[in-house]
């Protein structure tokens, strides 16, 4: 019969299988449990077994057995964790921040959980493909690019900060430009129309438009990686695939 072993608040483990055996044999579960205890050989694994209730076995493991098990795991580089018997390849899609926008708690939650899953799978021997599908392809980029084309002094200011910008500084630059462009986009119908045409240019691969778009993406990555570094996550350009990557398809 299934021993029905589980953790116990009265000992280390509790075995409840005697009830099923007694029902099958039409016997008294406490008496059967006592017979089992009497029949167990003495060894260094079990410190004590007590019959309780209708026939539960409360099992206490010896300190010596616990210490030996811990010592064996501590001496093993893998802490006793085996490799997967048939490892394969798993794609883990996580974090997914948006270009030119600050990461919010949803991105952080996804990043932490995704990184934990990646590490567990890799530790088991799985081949893991990390993927961050960043938001880098939408109307807002037409708006941002058009704004910079019409306000070149903002571009100069941004260029002067590019080399020094890192982490929050990079996102601060983008936030400043985004807010200014958004105000104009919401108040000026002609600018809004020009911005929409700029999205068409972006999708068509216009070189000048793509060059400005690329700067937004690169500066956003500086910020993304600074956040990932704080979370002790390993990430690189090879792991980042933007929505833009599907434009040609």
C-alpha atoms as a PDB file:
ATOM      1  CA  UNK A   1       0.000   0.000   0.000  1.00  0.00           C
ATOM      2  CA  UNK A   2       1.028   3.598  -0.522  1.00  0.00           C
ATOM      3  CA  UNK A   3       2.719   4.682   2.745  1.00  0.00           C
ATOM      4  CA  UNK A   4       1.166   8.159   2.315  1.00  0.00           C
ATOM      5  CA  UNK A   5       4.262   9.833   3.707  1.00  0.00           C
ATOM      6  CA  UNK A   6       4.054  13.549   4.435  1.00  0.00           C
ATOM      7  CA  UNK A   7       5.714  16.213   6.561  1.00  0.00           C
ATOM      8  CA  UNK A   8       4.471  16.381  10.137  1.00  0.00           C
ATOM      9  CA  UNK A   9       4.327  19.049  12.843  1.00  0.00           C
ATOM     10  CA  UNK A  10       4.721  16.315  15.495  1.00  0.00           C
ATOM     11  CA  UNK A  11       7.818  14.660  14.014  1.00  0.00           C
ATOM     12  CA  UNK A  12       9.832  14.877  10.800  1.00  0.00           C
ATOM     13  CA  UNK A  13       7.368  12.733   8.811  1.00  0.00           C
ATOM     14  CA  UNK A  14       4.061  10.937   9.262  1.00  0.00           C
ATOM     15  CA  UNK A  15       3.085   7.703   7.459  1.00  0.00           C
ATOM     16  CA  UNK A  16      -0.670   7.109   7.125  1.00  0.00           C
ATOM     17  CA  UNK A  17      -0.617   3.970   5.005  1.00  0.00           C
ATOM     18  CA  UNK A  18      -1.561   1.671   7.910  1.00  0.00           C
ATOM     19  CA  UNK A  19      -5.202   2.770   7.657  1.00  0.00           C
ATOM     20  CA  UNK A  20      -5.472   1.508   4.068  1.00  0.00           C
ATOM     21  CA  UNK A  21      -3.781  -1.800   4.938  1.00  0.00           C
ATOM     22  CA  UNK A  22      -6.014  -2.335   7.997  1.00  0.00           C
ATOM     23  CA  UNK A  23      -9.129  -1.724   5.894  1.00  0.00           C
ATOM     24  CA  UNK A  24      -7.976  -4.285   3.325  1.00  0.00           C
ATOM     25  CA  UNK A  25      -7.035  -6.869   5.997  1.00  0.00           C
ATOM     26  CA  UNK A  26     -10.034  -6.013   8.180  1.00  0.00           C
ATOM     27  CA  UNK A  27      -7.689  -5.485  11.127  1.00  0.00           C
ATOM     28  CA  UNK A  28      -6.976  -2.859  13.770  1.00  0.00           C
ATOM     29  CA  UNK A  29      -4.721  -0.114  12.292  1.00  0.00           C
ATOM     30  CA  UNK A  30      -3.040   0.680  15.652  1.00  0.00           C
ATOM     31  CA  UNK A  31      -2.172  -2.989  16.198  1.00  0.00           C
ATOM     32  CA  UNK A  32      -0.825  -3.301  12.650  1.00  0.00           C
ATOM     33  CA  UNK A  33       1.189  -0.099  13.068  1.00  0.00           C
ATOM     34  CA  UNK A  34       2.717  -1.468  16.285  1.00  0.00           C
ATOM     35  CA  UNK A  35       3.722  -4.672  14.470  1.00  0.00           C
ATOM     36  CA  UNK A  36       5.448  -2.639  11.765  1.00  0.00           C
ATOM     37  CA  UNK A  37       7.395  -0.661  14.367  1.00  0.00           C
ATOM     38  CA  UNK A  38       8.467  -3.871  16.145  1.00  0.00           C
ATOM     39  CA  UNK A  39       9.633  -5.378  12.851  1.00  0.00           C
ATOM     40  CA  UNK A  40      11.837  -2.468  11.774  1.00  0.00           C
ATOM     41  CA  UNK A  41      15.576  -3.170  12.051  1.00  0.00           C
ATOM     42  CA  UNK A  42      17.685  -0.776  14.112  1.00  0.00           C
ATOM     43  CA  UNK A  43      19.801   1.554  11.966  1.00  0.00           C
ATOM     44  CA  UNK A  44      21.290   5.024  12.019  1.00  0.00           C
ATOM     45  CA  UNK A  45      18.592   6.553   9.796  1.00  0.00           C
ATOM     46  CA  UNK A  46      15.614   6.514  12.174  1.00  0.00           C
ATOM     47  CA  UNK A  47      15.869   7.991  15.665  1.00  0.00           C
ATOM     48  CA  UNK A  48      12.308   7.211  16.718  1.00  0.00           C
ATOM     49  CA  UNK A  49       8.961   5.919  15.417  1.00  0.00           C
ATOM     50  CA  UNK A  50       5.813   6.500  17.416  1.00  0.00           C
ATOM     51  CA  UNK A  51       2.320   5.098  16.827  1.00  0.00           C
ATOM     52  CA  UNK A  52      -0.297   7.829  17.252  1.00  0.00           C
ATOM     53  CA  UNK A  53      -4.007   8.368  16.676  1.00  0.00           C
ATOM     54  CA  UNK A  54      -5.815   5.590  14.764  1.00  0.00           C
ATOM     55  CA  UNK A  55      -2.529   4.137  13.480  1.00  0.00           C
ATOM     56  CA  UNK A  56      -0.351   6.937  12.182  1.00  0.00           C
ATOM     57  CA  UNK A  57       3.414   6.436  12.317  1.00  0.00           C
ATOM     58  CA  UNK A  58       5.302   9.553  13.470  1.00  0.00           C
ATOM     59  CA  UNK A  59       8.876   9.229  12.223  1.00  0.00           C
ATOM     60  CA  UNK A  60      11.878  11.187  13.506  1.00  0.00           C
ATOM     61  CA  UNK A  61      15.084  11.038  11.458  1.00  0.00           C
ATOM     62  CA  UNK A  62      18.364  10.844  13.367  1.00  0.00           C
ATOM     63  CA  UNK A  63      20.651  13.866  13.615  1.00  0.00           C
ATOM     64  CA  UNK A  64      23.519  11.734  12.325  1.00  0.00           C
ATOM     65  CA  UNK A  65      21.636  10.859   9.130  1.00  0.00           C
ATOM     66  CA  UNK A  66      20.758  14.524   8.504  1.00  0.00           C
ATOM     67  CA  UNK A  67      24.341  15.689   9.079  1.00  0.00           C
ATOM     68  CA  UNK A  68      25.763  13.011   6.763  1.00  0.00           C
ATOM     69  CA  UNK A  69      23.251  13.894   4.025  1.00  0.00           C
ATOM     70  CA  UNK A  70      24.006  17.614   4.291  1.00  0.00           C
ATOM     71  CA  UNK A  71      27.762  16.973   4.284  1.00  0.00           C
ATOM     72  CA  UNK A  72      27.457  14.848   1.135  1.00  0.00           C
ATOM     73  CA  UNK A  73      25.442  17.559  -0.621  1.00  0.00           C
ATOM     74  CA  UNK A  74      27.821  20.311   0.497  1.00  0.00           C
ATOM     75  CA  UNK A  75      30.746  18.360  -0.957  1.00  0.00           C
ATOM     76  CA  UNK A  76      28.980  18.042  -4.317  1.00  0.00           C
ATOM     77  CA  UNK A  77      29.286  20.984  -6.717  1.00  0.00           C
ATOM     78  CA  UNK A  78      25.667  20.369  -7.764  1.00  0.00           C
ATOM     79  CA  UNK A  79      24.394  19.896  -4.187  1.00  0.00           C
ATOM     80  CA  UNK A  80      23.026  16.489  -5.109  1.00  0.00           C
ATOM     81  CA  UNK A  81      20.801  17.772  -7.916  1.00  0.00           C
ATOM     82  CA  UNK A  82      20.958  15.457 -10.958  1.00  0.00           C
ATOM     83  CA  UNK A  83      21.006  16.528 -14.595  1.00  0.00           C
ATOM     84  CA  UNK A  84      17.813  16.058 -16.605  1.00  0.00           C
ATOM     85  CA  UNK A  85      17.671  12.606 -18.204  1.00  0.00           C
ATOM     86  CA  UNK A  86      16.645  13.954 -21.621  1.00  0.00           C
ATOM     87  CA  UNK A  87      17.496  17.679 -21.798  1.00  0.00           C
ATOM     88  CA  UNK A  88      16.162  19.636 -24.744  1.00  0.00           C
ATOM     89  CA  UNK A  89      15.841  23.262 -25.774  1.00  0.00           C
ATOM     90  CA  UNK A  90      13.485  25.736 -24.122  1.00  0.00           C
ATOM     91  CA  UNK A  91      12.736  29.322 -25.157  1.00  0.00           C
ATOM     92  CA  UNK A  92      11.961  31.627 -22.229  1.00  0.00           C
ATOM     93  CA  UNK A  93      10.329  34.929 -23.197  1.00  0.00           C
ATOM     94  CA  UNK A  94      10.461  37.411 -20.326  1.00  0.00           C
ATOM     95  CA  UNK A  95      10.896  41.057 -19.170  1.00  0.00           C
ATOM     96  CA  UNK A  96       9.821  42.622 -22.530  1.00  0.00           C
ATOM     97  CA  UNK A  97      10.397  46.324 -21.704  1.00  0.00           C
ATOM     98  CA  UNK A  98       9.359  49.111 -24.060  1.00  0.00           C
ATOM     99  CA  UNK A  99      11.779  51.428 -25.841  1.00  0.00           C
ATOM    100  CA  UNK A 100      11.732  55.041 -24.630  1.00  0.00           C
ATOM    101  CA  UNK A 101       9.658  54.117 -21.561  1.00  0.00           C
ATOM    102  CA  UNK A 102      10.558  53.303 -17.982  1.00  0.00           C
ATOM    103  CA  UNK A 103      10.142  49.701 -16.869  1.00  0.00           C
ATOM    104  CA  UNK A 104       7.245  49.192 -14.451  1.00  0.00           C
ATOM    105  CA  UNK A 105       6.617  46.531 -11.797  1.00  0.00           C
ATOM    106  CA  UNK A 106       5.070  44.180 -14.380  1.00  0.00           C
ATOM    107  CA  UNK A 107       8.338  44.150 -16.329  1.00  0.00           C
ATOM    108  CA  UNK A 108      10.337  43.610 -13.128  1.00  0.00           C
ATOM    109  CA  UNK A 109       8.087  40.732 -12.025  1.00  0.00           C
ATOM    110  CA  UNK A 110       8.425  39.043 -15.413  1.00  0.00           C
ATOM    111  CA  UNK A 111      12.197  39.634 -15.359  1.00  0.00           C
ATOM    112  CA  UNK A 112      12.721  38.072 -11.928  1.00  0.00           C
ATOM    113  CA  UNK A 113      10.496  35.038 -12.594  1.00  0.00           C
ATOM    114  CA  UNK A 114      11.929  34.530 -16.089  1.00  0.00           C
ATOM    115  CA  UNK A 115      15.531  34.704 -14.876  1.00  0.00           C
ATOM    116  CA  UNK A 116      14.780  32.168 -12.117  1.00  0.00           C
ATOM    117  CA  UNK A 117      13.234  29.765 -14.655  1.00  0.00           C
ATOM    118  CA  UNK A 118      16.232  30.208 -16.987  1.00  0.00           C
ATOM    119  CA  UNK A 119      18.733  29.411 -14.221  1.00  0.00           C
ATOM    120  CA  UNK A 120      16.819  26.346 -13.009  1.00  0.00           C
ATOM    121  CA  UNK A 121      16.537  24.932 -16.534  1.00  0.00           C
ATOM    122  CA  UNK A 122      20.209  25.583 -17.317  1.00  0.00           C
ATOM    123  CA  UNK A 123      21.274  23.986 -14.031  1.00  0.00           C
ATOM    124  CA  UNK A 124      19.350  20.866 -15.034  1.00  0.00           C
ATOM    125  CA  UNK A 125      21.282  20.747 -18.338  1.00  0.00           C
ATOM    126  CA  UNK A 126      18.622  22.258 -20.599  1.00  0.00           C
ATOM    127  CA  UNK A 127      19.652  24.430 -23.558  1.00  0.00           C
ATOM    128  CA  UNK A 128      17.889  27.743 -22.921  1.00  0.00           C
ATOM    129  CA  UNK A 129      17.207  30.499 -25.431  1.00  0.00           C
ATOM    130  CA  UNK A 130      16.595  33.812 -23.628  1.00  0.00           C
ATOM    131  CA  UNK A 131      14.260  36.240 -25.381  1.00  0.00           C
ATOM    132  CA  UNK A 132      13.210  39.790 -24.641  1.00  0.00           C
ATOM    133  CA  UNK A 133      10.682  40.930 -27.237  1.00  0.00           C
ATOM    134  CA  UNK A 134      11.023  44.655 -26.598  1.00  0.00           C
ATOM    135  CA  UNK A 135       8.377  47.136 -27.731  1.00  0.00           C
ATOM    136  CA  UNK A 136      10.210  49.136 -30.381  1.00  0.00           C
ATOM    137  CA  UNK A 137       7.756  49.461 -33.266  1.00  0.00           C
ATOM    138  CA  UNK A 138       4.685  51.675 -32.959  1.00  0.00           C
ATOM    139  CA  UNK A 139       3.174  55.091 -33.689  1.00  0.00           C
ATOM    140  CA  UNK A 140       5.092  56.665 -30.812  1.00  0.00           C
ATOM    141  CA  UNK A 141       8.357  56.254 -32.712  1.00  0.00           C
ATOM    142  CA  UNK A 142       7.029  58.187 -35.662  1.00  0.00           C
ATOM    143  CA  UNK A 143       6.094  60.910 -33.186  1.00  0.00           C
ATOM    144  CA  UNK A 144       9.512  60.921 -31.484  1.00  0.00           C
ATOM    145  CA  UNK A 145      11.491  60.841 -34.729  1.00  0.00           C
ATOM    146  CA  UNK A 146       9.401  63.577 -36.336  1.00  0.00           C
ATOM    147  CA  UNK A 147       9.815  65.734 -33.239  1.00  0.00           C
ATOM    148  CA  UNK A 148      13.604  65.415 -33.392  1.00  0.00           C
ATOM    149  CA  UNK A 149      13.631  66.137 -37.126  1.00  0.00           C
ATOM    150  CA  UNK A 150      11.777  69.386 -36.459  1.00  0.00           C
ATOM    151  CA  UNK A 151      13.715  70.280 -33.294  1.00  0.00           C
ATOM    152  CA  UNK A 152      17.372  69.602 -34.176  1.00  0.00           C
ATOM    153  CA  UNK A 153      18.597  71.513 -31.089  1.00  0.00           C
ATOM    154  CA  UNK A 154      17.019  68.743 -28.984  1.00  0.00           C
ATOM    155  CA  UNK A 155      19.016  66.255 -31.018  1.00  0.00           C
ATOM    156  CA  UNK A 156      22.236  68.176 -30.324  1.00  0.00           C
ATOM    157  CA  UNK A 157      21.446  68.199 -26.603  1.00  0.00           C
ATOM    158  CA  UNK A 158      20.803  64.500 -26.688  1.00  0.00           C
ATOM    159  CA  UNK A 159      23.974  63.803 -28.677  1.00  0.00           C
ATOM    160  CA  UNK A 160      26.031  65.710 -26.119  1.00  0.00           C
ATOM    161  CA  UNK A 161      24.671  63.426 -23.425  1.00  0.00           C
ATOM    162  CA  UNK A 162      24.966  60.153 -25.311  1.00  0.00           C
ATOM    163  CA  UNK A 163      28.511  59.320 -24.248  1.00  0.00           C
ATOM    164  CA  UNK A 164      27.933  60.180 -20.597  1.00  0.00           C
ATOM    165  CA  UNK A 165      24.441  58.740 -20.291  1.00  0.00           C
ATOM    166  CA  UNK A 166      23.982  55.533 -18.358  1.00  0.00           C
ATOM    167  CA  UNK A 167      21.067  53.840 -16.695  1.00  0.00           C
ATOM    168  CA  UNK A 168      18.574  56.333 -15.299  1.00  0.00           C
ATOM    169  CA  UNK A 169      20.302  59.195 -17.167  1.00  0.00           C
ATOM    170  CA  UNK A 170      19.579  57.518 -20.479  1.00  0.00           C
ATOM    171  CA  UNK A 171      15.922  57.050 -19.600  1.00  0.00           C
ATOM    172  CA  UNK A 172      15.715  60.628 -18.304  1.00  0.00           C
ATOM    173  CA  UNK A 173      16.798  61.886 -21.751  1.00  0.00           C
ATOM    174  CA  UNK A 174      14.184  59.746 -23.472  1.00  0.00           C
ATOM    175  CA  UNK A 175      11.431  60.745 -21.049  1.00  0.00           C
ATOM    176  CA  UNK A 176      12.162  64.403 -21.627  1.00  0.00           C
ATOM    177  CA  UNK A 177      11.919  63.994 -25.408  1.00  0.00           C
ATOM    178  CA  UNK A 178       8.837  61.768 -25.208  1.00  0.00           C
ATOM    179  CA  UNK A 179       6.904  64.245 -23.058  1.00  0.00           C
ATOM    180  CA  UNK A 180       7.732  67.180 -25.323  1.00  0.00           C
ATOM    181  CA  UNK A 181       6.777  65.225 -28.448  1.00  0.00           C
ATOM    182  CA  UNK A 182       3.559  63.978 -26.860  1.00  0.00           C
ATOM    183  CA  UNK A 183       2.397  67.484 -25.980  1.00  0.00           C
ATOM    184  CA  UNK A 184       2.878  68.549 -29.595  1.00  0.00           C
ATOM    185  CA  UNK A 185       1.274  65.367 -30.952  1.00  0.00           C
ATOM    186  CA  UNK A 186      -1.880  65.906 -28.852  1.00  0.00           C
ATOM    187  CA  UNK A 187      -2.214  69.620 -29.637  1.00  0.00           C
ATOM    188  CA  UNK A 188      -1.163  69.930 -33.285  1.00  0.00           C
ATOM    189  CA  UNK A 189      -3.135  67.951 -35.892  1.00  0.00           C
ATOM    190  CA  UNK A 190      -0.627  68.729 -38.637  1.00  0.00           C
ATOM    191  CA  UNK A 191       2.256  67.429 -36.521  1.00  0.00           C
ATOM    192  CA  UNK A 192       0.191  64.341 -35.737  1.00  0.00           C
ATOM    193  CA  UNK A 193      -0.287  63.689 -39.452  1.00  0.00           C
ATOM    194  CA  UNK A 194       3.435  64.204 -40.153  1.00  0.00           C
ATOM    195  CA  UNK A 195       4.229  61.766 -37.343  1.00  0.00           C
ATOM    196  CA  UNK A 196       1.972  59.141 -38.875  1.00  0.00           C
ATOM    197  CA  UNK A 197       3.667  59.564 -42.232  1.00  0.00           C
ATOM    198  CA  UNK A 198       6.974  59.137 -40.410  1.00  0.00           C
ATOM    199  CA  UNK A 199       5.767  55.730 -39.162  1.00  0.00           C
ATOM    200  CA  UNK A 200       5.268  54.734 -42.805  1.00  0.00           C
ATOM    201  CA  UNK A 201       8.837  55.870 -43.550  1.00  0.00           C
ATOM    202  CA  UNK A 202      10.064  53.811 -40.598  1.00  0.00           C
ATOM    203  CA  UNK A 203       8.275  50.696 -41.816  1.00  0.00           C
ATOM    204  CA  UNK A 204       9.589  51.297 -45.344  1.00  0.00           C
ATOM    205  CA  UNK A 205      13.188  51.443 -44.077  1.00  0.00           C
ATOM    206  CA  UNK A 206      13.973  55.113 -44.791  1.00  0.00           C
ATOM    207  CA  UNK A 207      17.650  55.497 -43.823  1.00  0.00           C
ATOM    208  CA  UNK A 208      17.419  58.828 -41.961  1.00  0.00           C
ATOM    209  CA  UNK A 209      14.342  57.641 -40.055  1.00  0.00           C
ATOM    210  CA  UNK A 210      15.920  54.300 -39.169  1.00  0.00           C
ATOM    211  CA  UNK A 211      19.084  56.049 -37.936  1.00  0.00           C
ATOM    212  CA  UNK A 212      17.123  58.117 -35.392  1.00  0.00           C
ATOM    213  CA  UNK A 213      15.006  55.119 -34.393  1.00  0.00           C
ATOM    214  CA  UNK A 214      18.169  53.106 -33.783  1.00  0.00           C
ATOM    215  CA  UNK A 215      19.422  55.786 -31.378  1.00  0.00           C
ATOM    216  CA  UNK A 216      16.225  55.483 -29.338  1.00  0.00           C
ATOM    217  CA  UNK A 217      16.645  51.714 -29.149  1.00  0.00           C
ATOM    218  CA  UNK A 218      20.340  51.852 -28.241  1.00  0.00           C
ATOM    219  CA  UNK A 219      19.838  54.421 -25.487  1.00  0.00           C
ATOM    220  CA  UNK A 220      16.917  52.421 -24.094  1.00  0.00           C
ATOM    221  CA  UNK A 221      19.118  49.335 -23.941  1.00  0.00           C
ATOM    222  CA  UNK A 222      21.583  51.225 -21.738  1.00  0.00           C
ATOM    223  CA  UNK A 223      18.733  51.720 -19.299  1.00  0.00           C
ATOM    224  CA  UNK A 224      17.361  48.164 -19.627  1.00  0.00           C
ATOM    225  CA  UNK A 225      20.759  46.611 -18.951  1.00  0.00           C
ATOM    226  CA  UNK A 226      21.360  48.862 -15.939  1.00  0.00           C
ATOM    227  CA  UNK A 227      18.118  47.547 -14.402  1.00  0.00           C
ATOM    228  CA  UNK A 228      18.983  43.936 -15.269  1.00  0.00           C
ATOM    229  CA  UNK A 229      22.421  44.394 -13.701  1.00  0.00           C
ATOM    230  CA  UNK A 230      20.802  45.536 -10.451  1.00  0.00           C
ATOM    231  CA  UNK A 231      18.733  42.328 -10.513  1.00  0.00           C
ATOM    232  CA  UNK A 232      21.901  40.260 -11.158  1.00  0.00           C
ATOM    233  CA  UNK A 233      20.521  39.061 -14.493  1.00  0.00           C
ATOM    234  CA  UNK A 234      22.696  38.027 -17.431  1.00  0.00           C
ATOM    235  CA  UNK A 235      21.446  39.633 -20.633  1.00  0.00           C
ATOM    236  CA  UNK A 236      22.932  40.872 -23.861  1.00  0.00           C
ATOM    237  CA  UNK A 237      22.075  42.110 -27.324  1.00  0.00           C
ATOM    238  CA  UNK A 238      21.772  38.537 -28.576  1.00  0.00           C
ATOM    239  CA  UNK A 239      18.818  38.010 -26.223  1.00  0.00           C
ATOM    240  CA  UNK A 240      16.905  41.096 -27.386  1.00  0.00           C
ATOM    241  CA  UNK A 241      14.525  40.758 -30.330  1.00  0.00           C
ATOM    242  CA  UNK A 242      12.318  43.743 -31.013  1.00  0.00           C
ATOM    243  CA  UNK A 243       8.897  43.786 -32.601  1.00  0.00           C
ATOM    244  CA  UNK A 244      10.778  45.483 -35.441  1.00  0.00           C
ATOM    245  CA  UNK A 245      12.458  42.160 -36.177  1.00  0.00           C
ATOM    246  CA  UNK A 246       9.230  40.933 -37.766  1.00  0.00           C
ATOM    247  CA  UNK A 247       8.734  43.972 -40.030  1.00  0.00           C
ATOM    248  CA  UNK A 248      10.182  42.241 -43.104  1.00  0.00           C
ATOM    249  CA  UNK A 249       7.848  39.286 -42.604  1.00  0.00           C
END
